[in-house]
PDB file of N, CA and C in Angstrom:
ATOM      1  N   UNK A   1      74.807 129.976  78.503  1.00  0.00           N
ATOM      2  CA  UNK A   1      75.319 128.710  79.190  1.00  0.00           C
ATOM      3  C   UNK A   1      77.018 129.056  79.569  1.00  0.00           C
ATOM      4  N   UNK A   2      77.244 128.783  80.690  1.00  0.00           N
ATOM      5  CA  UNK A   2      78.634 129.084  81.206  1.00  0.00           C
ATOM      6  C   UNK A   2      79.096 128.003  81.803  1.00  0.00           C
ATOM      7  N   UNK A   3      80.543 127.864  81.778  1.00  0.00           N
ATOM      8  CA  UNK A   3      81.142 126.718  82.476  1.00  0.00           C
ATOM      9  C   UNK A   3      82.557 127.155  83.119  1.00  0.00           C
ATOM     10  N   UNK A   4      82.960 126.779  84.245  1.00  0.00           N
ATOM     11  CA  UNK A   4      84.056 127.277  84.733  1.00  0.00           C
ATOM     12  C   UNK A   4      84.619 125.906  85.550  1.00  0.00           C
ATOM     13  N   UNK A   5      85.671 125.246  84.590  1.00  0.00           N
ATOM     14  CA  UNK A   5      85.941 123.817  85.086  1.00  0.00           C
ATOM     15  C   UNK A   5      87.545 123.794  84.798  1.00  0.00           C
ATOM     16  N   UNK A   6      88.159 123.152  85.713  1.00  0.00           N
ATOM     17  CA  UNK A   6      89.567 122.911  85.458  1.00  0.00           C
ATOM     18  C   UNK A   6      89.794 121.366  85.930  1.00  0.00           C
ATOM     19  N   UNK A   7      90.761 120.827  85.179  1.00  0.00           N
ATOM     20  CA  UNK A   7      91.280 119.688  85.285  1.00  0.00           C
ATOM     21  C   UNK A   7      92.863 119.456  85.659  1.00  0.00           C
ATOM     22  N   UNK A   8      93.312 119.257  86.545  1.00  0.00           N
ATOM     23  CA  UNK A   8      94.950 119.207  86.552  1.00  0.00           C
ATOM     24  C   UNK A   8      95.312 117.929  86.941  1.00  0.00           C
ATOM     25  N   UNK A   9      96.805 117.641  86.462  1.00  0.00           N
ATOM     26  CA  UNK A   9      97.494 116.332  87.111  1.00  0.00           C
ATOM     27  C   UNK A   9      98.695 116.625  87.263  1.00  0.00           C
ATOM     28  N   UNK A  10      99.071 116.372  88.285  1.00  0.00           N
ATOM     29  CA  UNK A  10     100.585 116.962  88.806  1.00  0.00           C
ATOM     30  C   UNK A  10     100.826 116.000  90.062  1.00  0.00           C
ATOM     31  N   UNK A  11     101.873 116.807  90.794  1.00  0.00           N
ATOM     32  CA  UNK A  11     102.584 116.227  92.110  1.00  0.00           C
ATOM     33  C   UNK A  11     102.369 117.569  93.173  1.00  0.00           C
ATOM     34  N   UNK A  12     102.221 116.887  94.161  1.00  0.00           N
ATOM     35  CA  UNK A  12     102.331 117.860  95.737  1.00  0.00           C
ATOM     36  C   UNK A  12     103.906 118.366  95.816  1.00  0.00           C
ATOM     37  N   UNK A  13     103.876 119.643  95.833  1.00  0.00           N
ATOM     38  CA  UNK A  13     105.186 120.094  96.013  1.00  0.00           C
ATOM     39  C   UNK A  13     105.330 120.053  97.592  1.00  0.00           C
ATOM     40  N   UNK A  14     104.559 120.023  98.316  1.00  0.00           N
ATOM     41  CA  UNK A  14     104.888 120.292 100.062  1.00  0.00           C
ATOM     42  C   UNK A  14     103.321 119.626 100.538  1.00  0.00           C
ATOM     43  N   UNK A  15     103.556 118.959 101.813  1.00  0.00           N
ATOM     44  CA  UNK A  15     102.507 118.629 102.491  1.00  0.00           C
ATOM     45  C   UNK A  15     101.329 119.167 102.580  1.00  0.00           C
ATOM     46  N   UNK A  16     100.169 119.037 102.669  1.00  0.00           N
ATOM     47  CA  UNK A  16      99.007 119.584 102.799  1.00  0.00           C
ATOM     48  C   UNK A  16      98.960 120.513 103.933  1.00  0.00           C
ATOM     49  N   UNK A  17      98.255 122.025 103.772  1.00  0.00           N
ATOM     50  CA  UNK A  17      98.446 122.611 105.065  1.00  0.00           C
ATOM     51  C   UNK A  17      96.917 122.834 105.303  1.00  0.00           C
ATOM     52  N   UNK A  18      96.458 122.909 106.739  1.00  0.00           N
ATOM     53  CA  UNK A  18      95.129 123.281 106.942  1.00  0.00           C
ATOM     54  C   UNK A  18      94.829 124.474 107.719  1.00  0.00           C
ATOM     55  N   UNK A  19      94.024 125.174 107.694  1.00  0.00           N
ATOM     56  CA  UNK A  19      93.677 126.827 107.921  1.00  0.00           C
ATOM     57  C   UNK A  19      92.564 126.862 108.567  1.00  0.00           C
ATOM     58  N   UNK A  20      92.036 127.696 109.520  1.00  0.00           N
ATOM     59  CA  UNK A  20      90.954 127.963 109.917  1.00  0.00           C
ATOM     60  C   UNK A  20      90.537 129.501 109.586  1.00  0.00           C
ATOM     61  N   UNK A  21      89.599 129.865 109.105  1.00  0.00           N
ATOM     62  CA  UNK A  21      89.161 131.090 108.732  1.00  0.00           C
ATOM     63  C   UNK A  21      87.632 131.369 109.061  1.00  0.00           C
ATOM     64  N   UNK A  22      87.210 132.417 109.854  1.00  0.00           N
ATOM     65  CA  UNK A  22      85.621 132.468 109.969  1.00  0.00           C
ATOM     66  C   UNK A  22      85.101 131.249 110.300  1.00  0.00           C
ATOM     67  N   UNK A  23      85.544 130.656 111.199  1.00  0.00           N
ATOM     68  CA  UNK A  23      84.919 129.387 111.871  1.00  0.00           C
ATOM     69  C   UNK A  23      84.769 128.344 111.030  1.00  0.00           C
ATOM     70  N   UNK A  24      85.507 128.361 109.665  1.00  0.00           N
ATOM     71  CA  UNK A  24      85.487 127.128 108.597  1.00  0.00           C
ATOM     72  C   UNK A  24      87.193 126.774 108.356  1.00  0.00           C
ATOM     73  N   UNK A  25      87.096 125.573 108.363  1.00  0.00           N
ATOM     74  CA  UNK A  25      88.392 125.185 107.960  1.00  0.00           C
ATOM     75  C   UNK A  25      88.437 124.724 106.759  1.00  0.00           C
ATOM     76  N   UNK A  26      89.737 124.755 105.957  1.00  0.00           N
ATOM     77  CA  UNK A  26      89.952 124.414 104.776  1.00  0.00           C
ATOM     78  C   UNK A  26      91.506 123.935 104.822  1.00  0.00           C
ATOM     79  N   UNK A  27      91.807 123.216 103.512  1.00  0.00           N
ATOM     80  CA  UNK A  27      92.995 122.660 103.117  1.00  0.00           C
ATOM     81  C   UNK A  27      93.605 123.344 101.867  1.00  0.00           C
ATOM     82  N   UNK A  28      94.878 123.532 102.089  1.00  0.00           N
ATOM     83  CA  UNK A  28      95.653 124.290 100.774  1.00  0.00           C
ATOM     84  C   UNK A  28      96.488 123.207 100.305  1.00  0.00           C
ATOM     85  N   UNK A  29      96.593 122.905  98.960  1.00  0.00           N
ATOM     86  CA  UNK A  29      97.543 121.970  98.396  1.00  0.00           C
ATOM     87  C   UNK A  29      98.163 122.870  97.296  1.00  0.00           C
ATOM     88  N   UNK A  30      99.674 122.761  97.066  1.00  0.00           N
ATOM     89  CA  UNK A  30     100.333 123.162  96.026  1.00  0.00           C
ATOM     90  C   UNK A  30     100.800 122.030  95.014  1.00  0.00           C
ATOM     91  N   UNK A  31      99.968 122.318  93.836  1.00  0.00           N
ATOM     92  CA  UNK A  31     100.227 121.187  92.797  1.00  0.00           C
ATOM     93  C   UNK A  31     101.081 121.500  91.706  1.00  0.00           C
ATOM     94  N   UNK A  32     102.006 120.940  91.476  1.00  0.00           N
ATOM     95  CA  UNK A  32     102.802 120.943  90.409  1.00  0.00           C
ATOM     96  C   UNK A  32     102.486 120.639  88.606  1.00  0.00           C
ATOM     97  N   UNK A  33     102.261 121.298  87.769  1.00  0.00           N
ATOM     98  CA  UNK A  33     102.193 120.849  86.494  1.00  0.00           C
ATOM     99  C   UNK A  33     103.252 121.168  85.844  1.00  0.00           C
ATOM    100  N   UNK A  34     103.813 120.283  84.760  1.00  0.00           N
ATOM    101  CA  UNK A  34     104.871 120.749  83.874  1.00  0.00           C
ATOM    102  C   UNK A  34     104.503 120.406  82.495  1.00  0.00           C
ATOM    103  N   UNK A  35     105.072 121.317  81.577  1.00  0.00           N
ATOM    104  CA  UNK A  35     105.084 120.842  79.916  1.00  0.00           C
ATOM    105  C   UNK A  35     106.369 121.300  79.507  1.00  0.00           C
ATOM    106  N   UNK A  36     106.836 120.702  78.492  1.00  0.00           N
ATOM    107  CA  UNK A  36     107.840 120.893  77.644  1.00  0.00           C
ATOM    108  C   UNK A  36     107.658 121.120  76.391  1.00  0.00           C
ATOM    109  N   UNK A  37     108.714 121.510  75.700  1.00  0.00           N
ATOM    110  CA  UNK A  37     108.922 121.668  74.243  1.00  0.00           C
ATOM    111  C   UNK A  37     110.255 121.262  73.858  1.00  0.00           C
ATOM    112  N   UNK A  38     110.370 121.430  72.645  1.00  0.00           N
ATOM    113  CA  UNK A  38     111.757 121.214  71.986  1.00  0.00           C
ATOM    114  C   UNK A  38     112.298 122.483  71.227  1.00  0.00           C
ATOM    115  N   UNK A  39     113.430 123.272  71.644  1.00  0.00           N
ATOM    116  CA  UNK A  39     113.601 124.240  71.337  1.00  0.00           C
ATOM    117  C   UNK A  39     114.029 124.052  69.821  1.00  0.00           C
ATOM    118  N   UNK A  40     113.572 124.766  68.718  1.00  0.00           N
ATOM    119  CA  UNK A  40     114.103 124.450  67.519  1.00  0.00           C
ATOM    120  C   UNK A  40     115.597 124.584  67.022  1.00  0.00           C
ATOM    121  N   UNK A  41     116.008 125.843  67.816  1.00  0.00           N
ATOM    122  CA  UNK A  41     117.293 126.325  67.338  1.00  0.00           C
ATOM    123  C   UNK A  41     118.507 125.472  68.123  1.00  0.00           C
ATOM    124  N   UNK A  42     118.312 125.230  69.412  1.00  0.00           N
ATOM    125  CA  UNK A  42     118.979 124.397  70.235  1.00  0.00           C
ATOM    126  C   UNK A  42     118.981 122.838  70.034  1.00  0.00           C
ATOM    127  N   UNK A  43     117.806 122.480  69.662  1.00  0.00           N
ATOM    128  CA  UNK A  43     117.640 121.120  69.832  1.00  0.00           C
ATOM    129  C   UNK A  43     117.199 120.373  71.068  1.00  0.00           C
ATOM    130  N   UNK A  44     117.259 121.362  71.882  1.00  0.00           N
ATOM    131  CA  UNK A  44     117.010 121.010  73.512  1.00  0.00           C
ATOM    132  C   UNK A  44     115.871 121.116  73.971  1.00  0.00           C
ATOM    133  N   UNK A  45     115.346 120.247  74.982  1.00  0.00           N
ATOM    134  CA  UNK A  45     114.292 120.057  75.423  1.00  0.00           C
ATOM    135  C   UNK A  45     113.902 121.170  76.418  1.00  0.00           C
ATOM    136  N   UNK A  46     113.081 122.038  76.492  1.00  0.00           N
ATOM    137  CA  UNK A  46     112.882 123.055  77.514  1.00  0.00           C
ATOM    138  C   UNK A  46     111.655 122.598  78.394  1.00  0.00           C
ATOM    139  N   UNK A  47     111.746 122.907  79.786  1.00  0.00           N
ATOM    140  CA  UNK A  47     110.324 122.673  80.657  1.00  0.00           C
ATOM    141  C   UNK A  47     110.091 123.664  81.367  1.00  0.00           C
ATOM    142  N   UNK A  48     108.743 123.811  81.671  1.00  0.00           N
ATOM    143  CA  UNK A  48     108.349 125.076  82.341  1.00  0.00           C
ATOM    144  C   UNK A  48     107.278 124.106  83.513  1.00  0.00           C
ATOM    145  N   UNK A  49     107.457 124.645  84.833  1.00  0.00           N
ATOM    146  CA  UNK A  49     106.736 124.106  85.733  1.00  0.00           C
ATOM    147  C   UNK A  49     105.672 125.138  86.244  1.00  0.00           C
ATOM    148  N   UNK A  50     104.442 125.050  86.453  1.00  0.00           N
ATOM    149  CA  UNK A  50     103.127 125.909  86.903  1.00  0.00           C
ATOM    150  C   UNK A  50     103.049 125.293  88.217  1.00  0.00           C
ATOM    151  N   UNK A  51     102.943 126.216  89.197  1.00  0.00           N
ATOM    152  CA  UNK A  51     102.180 125.802  90.504  1.00  0.00           C
ATOM    153  C   UNK A  51     101.034 126.338  90.546  1.00  0.00           C
ATOM    154  N   UNK A  52     100.072 125.524  91.135  1.00  0.00           N
ATOM    155  CA  UNK A  52      98.599 125.819  91.266  1.00  0.00           C
ATOM    156  C   UNK A  52      98.259 125.868  92.738  1.00  0.00           C
ATOM    157  N   UNK A  53      97.581 126.904  93.361  1.00  0.00           N
ATOM    158  CA  UNK A  53      97.129 126.755  94.351  1.00  0.00           C
ATOM    159  C   UNK A  53      95.737 126.270  94.837  1.00  0.00           C
ATOM    160  N   UNK A  54      95.718 125.247  95.267  1.00  0.00           N
ATOM    161  CA  UNK A  54      94.253 124.442  95.248  1.00  0.00           C
ATOM    162  C   UNK A  54      93.527 124.543  96.604  1.00  0.00           C
ATOM    163  N   UNK A  55      92.451 124.927  96.805  1.00  0.00           N
ATOM    164  CA  UNK A  55      91.554 125.190  98.290  1.00  0.00           C
ATOM    165  C   UNK A  55      90.603 123.937  98.294  1.00  0.00           C
ATOM    166  N   UNK A  56      90.513 123.345  99.326  1.00  0.00           N
ATOM    167  CA  UNK A  56      89.580 122.187  99.652  1.00  0.00           C
ATOM    168  C   UNK A  56      88.825 122.628 100.709  1.00  0.00           C
ATOM    169  N   UNK A  57      87.314 122.426 100.505  1.00  0.00           N
ATOM    170  CA  UNK A  57      86.754 122.759 101.553  1.00  0.00           C
ATOM    171  C   UNK A  57      85.855 121.586 102.142  1.00  0.00           C
ATOM    172  N   UNK A  58      85.176 121.639 103.063  1.00  0.00           N
ATOM    173  CA  UNK A  58      84.342 120.536 103.515  1.00  0.00           C
ATOM    174  C   UNK A  58      84.889 119.383 103.852  1.00  0.00           C
ATOM    175  N   UNK A  59      84.121 118.299 103.595  1.00  0.00           N
ATOM    176  CA  UNK A  59      84.679 116.958 104.171  1.00  0.00           C
ATOM    177  C   UNK A  59      85.714 116.659 103.291  1.00  0.00           C
ATOM    178  N   UNK A  60      85.702 116.736 102.022  1.00  0.00           N
ATOM    179  CA  UNK A  60      86.944 116.541 101.178  1.00  0.00           C
ATOM    180  C   UNK A  60      88.198 117.146 101.783  1.00  0.00           C
ATOM    181  N   UNK A  61      88.207 118.359 102.298  1.00  0.00           N
ATOM    182  CA  UNK A  61      89.522 118.581 102.851  1.00  0.00           C
ATOM    183  C   UNK A  61      89.802 117.953 104.042  1.00  0.00           C
ATOM    184  N   UNK A  62      89.086 117.191 104.564  1.00  0.00           N
ATOM    185  CA  UNK A  62      89.453 116.069 105.792  1.00  0.00           C
ATOM    186  C   UNK A  62      90.445 115.125 105.194  1.00  0.00           C
ATOM    187  N   UNK A  63      89.970 114.699 103.719  1.00  0.00           N
ATOM    188  CA  UNK A  63      90.887 113.769 103.362  1.00  0.00           C
ATOM    189  C   UNK A  63      92.059 114.415 102.670  1.00  0.00           C
ATOM    190  N   UNK A  64      92.160 115.743 102.065  1.00  0.00           N
ATOM    191  CA  UNK A  64      92.920 116.152 101.436  1.00  0.00           C
ATOM    192  C   UNK A  64      94.270 116.574 102.467  1.00  0.00           C
ATOM    193  N   UNK A  65      93.766 116.787 103.843  1.00  0.00           N
ATOM    194  CA  UNK A  65      94.929 116.981 104.644  1.00  0.00           C
ATOM    195  C   UNK A  65      95.739 116.073 104.978  1.00  0.00           C
ATOM    196  N   UNK A  66      95.538 114.696 104.473  1.00  0.00           N
ATOM    197  CA  UNK A  66      96.517 113.665 104.790  1.00  0.00           C
ATOM    198  C   UNK A  66      97.432 113.323 103.716  1.00  0.00           C
ATOM    199  N   UNK A  67      97.122 114.219 102.713  1.00  0.00           N
ATOM    200  CA  UNK A  67      98.357 114.182 101.293  1.00  0.00           C
ATOM    201  C   UNK A  67      99.540 114.747 101.668  1.00  0.00           C
ATOM    202  N   UNK A  68     100.580 114.011 101.167  1.00  0.00           N
ATOM    203  CA  UNK A  68     101.933 114.534 101.379  1.00  0.00           C
ATOM    204  C   UNK A  68     102.850 114.655 100.221  1.00  0.00           C
ATOM    205  N   UNK A  69     103.736 115.444 100.407  1.00  0.00           N
ATOM    206  CA  UNK A  69     104.515 115.630  99.302  1.00  0.00           C
ATOM    207  C   UNK A  69     105.007 114.779  98.347  1.00  0.00           C
ATOM    208  N   UNK A  70     104.880 115.094  97.094  1.00  0.00           N
ATOM    209  CA  UNK A  70     105.194 113.971  95.900  1.00  0.00           C
ATOM    210  C   UNK A  70     104.008 113.069  95.691  1.00  0.00           C
ATOM    211  N   UNK A  71     102.691 113.362  96.514  1.00  0.00           N
ATOM    212  CA  UNK A  71     101.557 112.657  95.749  1.00  0.00           C
ATOM    213  C   UNK A  71     101.138 112.795  94.547  1.00  0.00           C
ATOM    214  N   UNK A  72     100.787 111.934  93.563  1.00  0.00           N
ATOM    215  CA  UNK A  72     100.432 112.066  92.326  1.00  0.00           C
ATOM    216  C   UNK A  72      99.002 112.248  92.116  1.00  0.00           C
ATOM    217  N   UNK A  73      98.314 113.478  91.801  1.00  0.00           N
ATOM    218  CA  UNK A  73      96.897 113.788  91.779  1.00  0.00           C
ATOM    219  C   UNK A  73      96.412 114.173  90.676  1.00  0.00           C
ATOM    220  N   UNK A  74      95.058 113.675  90.475  1.00  0.00           N
ATOM    221  CA  UNK A  74      94.236 114.465  89.476  1.00  0.00           C
ATOM    222  C   UNK A  74      93.398 115.086  90.099  1.00  0.00           C
ATOM    223  N   UNK A  75      93.130 116.471  89.846  1.00  0.00           N
ATOM    224  CA  UNK A  75      92.167 117.170  90.489  1.00  0.00           C
ATOM    225  C   UNK A  75      91.168 118.122  89.648  1.00  0.00           C
ATOM    226  N   UNK A  76      90.002 118.004  89.999  1.00  0.00           N
ATOM    227  CA  UNK A  76      89.216 118.820  89.380  1.00  0.00           C
ATOM    228  C   UNK A  76      88.394 119.547  89.976  1.00  0.00           C
ATOM    229  N   UNK A  77      88.156 120.593  89.408  1.00  0.00           N
ATOM    230  CA  UNK A  77      87.472 121.979  90.134  1.00  0.00           C
ATOM    231  C   UNK A  77      87.116 123.218  89.319  1.00  0.00           C
ATOM    232  N   UNK A  78      87.028 124.521  89.929  1.00  0.00           N
ATOM    233  CA  UNK A  78      86.856 125.528  89.194  1.00  0.00           C
ATOM    234  C   UNK A  78      87.862 126.661  89.424  1.00  0.00           C
ATOM    235  N   UNK A  79      88.171 127.477  88.543  1.00  0.00           N
ATOM    236  CA  UNK A  79      89.060 128.419  88.666  1.00  0.00           C
ATOM    237  C   UNK A  79      88.542 129.813  89.385  1.00  0.00           C
ATOM    238  N   UNK A  80      89.062 130.256  90.476  1.00  0.00           N
ATOM    239  CA  UNK A  80      88.522 131.279  91.124  1.00  0.00           C
ATOM    240  C   UNK A  80      89.721 132.397  91.346  1.00  0.00           C
ATOM    241  N   UNK A  81      89.090 133.719  91.325  1.00  0.00           N
ATOM    242  CA  UNK A  81      90.338 134.730  91.515  1.00  0.00           C
ATOM    243  C   UNK A  81      89.796 135.520  93.101  1.00  0.00           C
ATOM    244  N   UNK A  82      90.700 136.196  93.391  1.00  0.00           N
ATOM    245  CA  UNK A  82      90.198 137.184  94.787  1.00  0.00           C
ATOM    246  C   UNK A  82      91.298 138.109  94.772  1.00  0.00           C
ATOM    247  N   UNK A  83      91.252 139.285  95.386  1.00  0.00           N
ATOM    248  CA  UNK A  83      91.806 140.148  95.505  1.00  0.00           C
ATOM    249  C   UNK A  83      92.327 140.438  96.995  1.00  0.00           C
ATOM    250  N   UNK A  84      93.832 140.317  97.040  1.00  0.00           N
ATOM    251  CA  UNK A  84      94.238 140.537  98.248  1.00  0.00           C
ATOM    252  C   UNK A  84      95.218 141.531  98.473  1.00  0.00           C
ATOM    253  N   UNK A  85      95.350 142.210  99.721  1.00  0.00           N
ATOM    254  CA  UNK A  85      96.258 143.365 100.066  1.00  0.00           C
ATOM    255  C   UNK A  85      97.291 142.739 100.825  1.00  0.00           C
ATOM    256  N   UNK A  86      98.761 143.195 100.404  1.00  0.00           N
ATOM    257  CA  UNK A  86      99.914 142.989 101.079  1.00  0.00           C
ATOM    258  C   UNK A  86      99.766 143.795 102.415  1.00  0.00           C
ATOM    259  N   UNK A  87     100.007 143.055 103.277  1.00  0.00           N
ATOM    260  CA  UNK A  87      99.986 143.754 104.714  1.00  0.00           C
ATOM    261  C   UNK A  87     101.057 144.694 104.887  1.00  0.00           C
ATOM    262  N   UNK A  88     102.251 144.235 104.439  1.00  0.00           N
ATOM    263  CA  UNK A  88     103.446 145.208 104.876  1.00  0.00           C
ATOM    264  C   UNK A  88     103.359 146.271 103.893  1.00  0.00           C
ATOM    265  N   UNK A  89     102.980 146.123 102.587  1.00  0.00           N
ATOM    266  CA  UNK A  89     103.282 147.259 101.418  1.00  0.00           C
ATOM    267  C   UNK A  89     101.627 147.792 101.171  1.00  0.00           C
ATOM    268  N   UNK A  90     100.722 147.287 101.298  1.00  0.00           N
ATOM    269  CA  UNK A  90      99.431 147.773 101.179  1.00  0.00           C
ATOM    270  C   UNK A  90      98.929 147.652  99.677  1.00  0.00           C
ATOM    271  N   UNK A  91      99.993 146.960  98.831  1.00  0.00           N
ATOM    272  CA  UNK A  91      99.587 146.707  97.587  1.00  0.00           C
ATOM    273  C   UNK A  91      98.448 145.827  97.154  1.00  0.00           C
ATOM    274  N   UNK A  92      97.729 145.975  96.119  1.00  0.00           N
ATOM    275  CA  UNK A  92      96.622 145.215  95.899  1.00  0.00           C
ATOM    276  C   UNK A  92      97.024 144.249  94.725  1.00  0.00           C
ATOM    277  N   UNK A  93      96.805 142.661  94.919  1.00  0.00           N
ATOM    278  CA  UNK A  93      97.182 141.975  93.771  1.00  0.00           C
ATOM    279  C   UNK A  93      95.968 140.958  93.853  1.00  0.00           C
ATOM    280  N   UNK A  94      95.745 140.579  92.663  1.00  0.00           N
ATOM    281  CA  UNK A  94      94.704 139.450  92.091  1.00  0.00           C
ATOM    282  C   UNK A  94      95.508 138.305  92.276  1.00  0.00           C
ATOM    283  N   UNK A  95      94.788 136.894  93.016  1.00  0.00           N
ATOM    284  CA  UNK A  95      95.377 135.590  93.465  1.00  0.00           C
ATOM    285  C   UNK A  95      94.440 134.782  92.166  1.00  0.00           C
ATOM    286  N   UNK A  96      94.887 133.825  91.622  1.00  0.00           N
ATOM    287  CA  UNK A  96      94.186 132.651  91.143  1.00  0.00           C
ATOM    288  C   UNK A  96      94.252 131.485  92.033  1.00  0.00           C
ATOM    289  N   UNK A  97      93.123 130.734  92.093  1.00  0.00           N
ATOM    290  CA  UNK A  97      93.189 129.538  93.032  1.00  0.00           C
ATOM    291  C   UNK A  97      92.088 128.900  92.559  1.00  0.00           C
ATOM    292  N   UNK A  98      92.310 127.165  92.409  1.00  0.00           N
ATOM    293  CA  UNK A  98      91.372 126.228  92.095  1.00  0.00           C
ATOM    294  C   UNK A  98      90.656 125.804  93.300  1.00  0.00           C
ATOM    295  N   UNK A  99      89.415 126.133  93.186  1.00  0.00           N
ATOM    296  CA  UNK A  99      88.527 125.432  94.353  1.00  0.00           C
ATOM    297  C   UNK A  99      88.166 124.149  93.820  1.00  0.00           C
ATOM    298  N   UNK A 100      88.652 123.171  94.632  1.00  0.00           N
ATOM    299  CA  UNK A 100      88.475 121.568  94.275  1.00  0.00           C
ATOM    300  C   UNK A 100      87.140 121.078  94.662  1.00  0.00           C
ATOM    301  N   UNK A 101      86.890 120.267  93.794  1.00  0.00           N
ATOM    302  CA  UNK A 101      85.376 119.647  93.939  1.00  0.00           C
ATOM    303  C   UNK A 101      85.970 118.264  94.053  1.00  0.00           C
ATOM    304  N   UNK A 102      86.920 117.504  93.381  1.00  0.00           N
ATOM    305  CA  UNK A 102      87.296 116.266  93.566  1.00  0.00           C
ATOM    306  C   UNK A 102      88.825 116.015  93.449  1.00  0.00           C
ATOM    307  N   UNK A 103      89.158 114.945  94.241  1.00  0.00           N
ATOM    308  CA  UNK A 103      90.732 114.409  94.187  1.00  0.00           C
ATOM    309  C   UNK A 103      90.691 113.106  93.990  1.00  0.00           C
ATOM    310  N   UNK A 104      91.586 112.610  92.824  1.00  0.00           N
ATOM    311  CA  UNK A 104      91.972 111.224  92.793  1.00  0.00           C
ATOM    312  C   UNK A 104      93.156 110.933  92.874  1.00  0.00           C
ATOM    313  N   UNK A 105      93.762 110.272  93.781  1.00  0.00           N
ATOM    314  CA  UNK A 105      95.237 109.882  94.047  1.00  0.00           C
ATOM    315  C   UNK A 105      95.549 108.915  92.799  1.00  0.00           C
ATOM    316  N   UNK A 106      96.679 109.164  92.099  1.00  0.00           N
ATOM    317  CA  UNK A 106      97.251 108.244  91.091  1.00  0.00           C
ATOM    318  C   UNK A 106      98.505 107.602  91.344  1.00  0.00           C
ATOM    319  N   UNK A 107      98.943 107.701  92.515  1.00  0.00           N
ATOM    320  CA  UNK A 107      99.930 106.918  93.111  1.00  0.00           C
ATOM    321  C   UNK A 107      99.824 105.414  92.976  1.00  0.00           C
ATOM    322  N   UNK A 108     100.408 104.796  92.437  1.00  0.00           N
ATOM    323  CA  UNK A 108     100.633 103.435  92.231  1.00  0.00           C
ATOM    324  C   UNK A 108     100.757 102.549  93.621  1.00  0.00           C
ATOM    325  N   UNK A 109      99.772 101.218  93.859  1.00  0.00           N
ATOM    326  CA  UNK A 109      99.953 100.486  95.092  1.00  0.00           C
ATOM    327  C   UNK A 109     101.533 100.104  95.169  1.00  0.00           C
ATOM    328  N   UNK A 110     101.966 100.161  96.504  1.00  0.00           N
ATOM    329  CA  UNK A 110     103.148  99.816  96.775  1.00  0.00           C
ATOM    330  C   UNK A 110     103.283  98.185  96.581  1.00  0.00           C
ATOM    331  N   UNK A 111     104.292  97.776  95.948  1.00  0.00           N
ATOM    332  CA  UNK A 111     104.419  96.299  95.558  1.00  0.00           C
ATOM    333  C   UNK A 111     104.748  95.463  97.041  1.00  0.00           C
ATOM    334  N   UNK A 112     104.342  94.369  97.231  1.00  0.00           N
ATOM    335  CA  UNK A 112     104.684  93.772  98.315  1.00  0.00           C
ATOM    336  C   UNK A 112     106.089  93.001  98.226  1.00  0.00           C
ATOM    337  N   UNK A 113     106.569  93.082  99.355  1.00  0.00           N
ATOM    338  CA  UNK A 113     107.977  92.745  99.402  1.00  0.00           C
ATOM    339  C   UNK A 113     108.064  90.983  99.199  1.00  0.00           C
ATOM    340  N   UNK A 114     109.165  90.446  98.477  1.00  0.00           N
ATOM    341  CA  UNK A 114     109.068  89.060  98.199  1.00  0.00           C
ATOM    342  C   UNK A 114     108.646  87.953  99.296  1.00  0.00           C
ATOM    343  N   UNK A 115     109.560  88.650 100.443  1.00  0.00           N
ATOM    344  CA  UNK A 115     109.046  87.864 101.749  1.00  0.00           C
ATOM    345  C   UNK A 115     107.466  87.861 102.086  1.00  0.00           C
ATOM    346  N   UNK A 116     107.104  88.662 101.468  1.00  0.00           N
ATOM    347  CA  UNK A 116     105.397  88.737 102.036  1.00  0.00           C
ATOM    348  C   UNK A 116     104.373  88.157 101.273  1.00  0.00           C
ATOM    349  N   UNK A 117     105.248  87.434  99.904  1.00  0.00           N
ATOM    350  CA  UNK A 117     104.061  86.683  99.146  1.00  0.00           C
ATOM    351  C   UNK A 117     104.009  85.340  99.960  1.00  0.00           C
ATOM    352  N   UNK A 118     102.732  84.803  99.382  1.00  0.00           N
ATOM    353  CA  UNK A 118     102.652  83.503  99.968  1.00  0.00           C
ATOM    354  C   UNK A 118     103.624  82.200  99.850  1.00  0.00           C
ATOM    355  N   UNK A 119     103.777  81.256 100.865  1.00  0.00           N
ATOM    356  CA  UNK A 119     104.402  80.327 100.575  1.00  0.00           C
ATOM    357  C   UNK A 119     103.952  79.267 100.061  1.00  0.00           C
ATOM    358  N   UNK A 120     102.784  79.194 100.008  1.00  0.00           N
ATOM    359  CA  UNK A 120     101.904  77.862  99.490  1.00  0.00           C
ATOM    360  C   UNK A 120     101.494  78.197  97.914  1.00  0.00           C
ATOM    361  N   UNK A 121     102.042  78.911  97.429  1.00  0.00           N
ATOM    362  CA  UNK A 121     101.883  79.159  95.777  1.00  0.00           C
ATOM    363  C   UNK A 121     102.552  77.732  95.223  1.00  0.00           C
ATOM    364  N   UNK A 122     101.529  77.179  94.127  1.00  0.00           N
ATOM    365  CA  UNK A 122     101.981  75.929  93.297  1.00  0.00           C
ATOM    366  C   UNK A 122     103.015  76.366  92.348  1.00  0.00           C
ATOM    367  N   UNK A 123     103.883  75.752  92.227  1.00  0.00           N
ATOM    368  CA  UNK A 123     104.974  75.525  91.468  1.00  0.00           C
ATOM    369  C   UNK A 123     104.531  74.517  90.255  1.00  0.00           C
ATOM    370  N   UNK A 124     104.315  75.183  89.103  1.00  0.00           N
ATOM    371  CA  UNK A 124     103.925  74.133  87.935  1.00  0.00           C
ATOM    372  C   UNK A 124     104.897  73.013  87.380  1.00  0.00           C
ATOM    373  N   UNK A 125     106.431  73.375  87.873  1.00  0.00           N
ATOM    374  CA  UNK A 125     107.236  72.423  87.746  1.00  0.00           C
ATOM    375  C   UNK A 125     107.256  71.132  88.753  1.00  0.00           C
ATOM    376  N   UNK A 126     107.021  71.552  89.716  1.00  0.00           N
ATOM    377  CA  UNK A 126     106.730  70.595  90.956  1.00  0.00           C
ATOM    378  C   UNK A 126     105.825  69.733  90.789  1.00  0.00           C
ATOM    379  N   UNK A 127     104.726  70.187  90.279  1.00  0.00           N
ATOM    380  CA  UNK A 127     103.272  69.465  90.182  1.00  0.00           C
ATOM    381  C   UNK A 127     103.472  68.271  88.918  1.00  0.00           C
ATOM    382  N   UNK A 128     104.529  68.566  87.966  1.00  0.00           N
ATOM    383  CA  UNK A 128     104.561  67.710  86.756  1.00  0.00           C
ATOM    384  C   UNK A 128     105.260  66.665  87.276  1.00  0.00           C
ATOM    385  N   UNK A 129     106.356  66.761  88.215  1.00  0.00           N
ATOM    386  CA  UNK A 129     107.321  65.548  88.592  1.00  0.00           C
ATOM    387  C   UNK A 129     106.556  64.312  89.503  1.00  0.00           C
TER     388      UNK A 129
END
């Protein structure tokens, strides 16, 4: 039995980008995750940000292209690698990407401004009078 599954929670570093290749369009997301630890010697907290290239295909790509910088997301998918050749130098390198299966937006709903609340709310103190 085999399993290739990755779950990430992080923030978008830039607006989603849409591309077309071989008559298929896809959306690319740049997701940042962060980990931190306390340095035993200095007592300071050290942080490390990891950037993940996430590729979204199909109908989900239509939704993904609406996502903007700073969006808080949970992404599930599988880890894929591919070999690419730098056009300028001809050097081959391996690129790791997340092929996205699902996206959950974790942003909190925006709170309504006070003037948008209903004026007909009942005040318990007024009813008691």
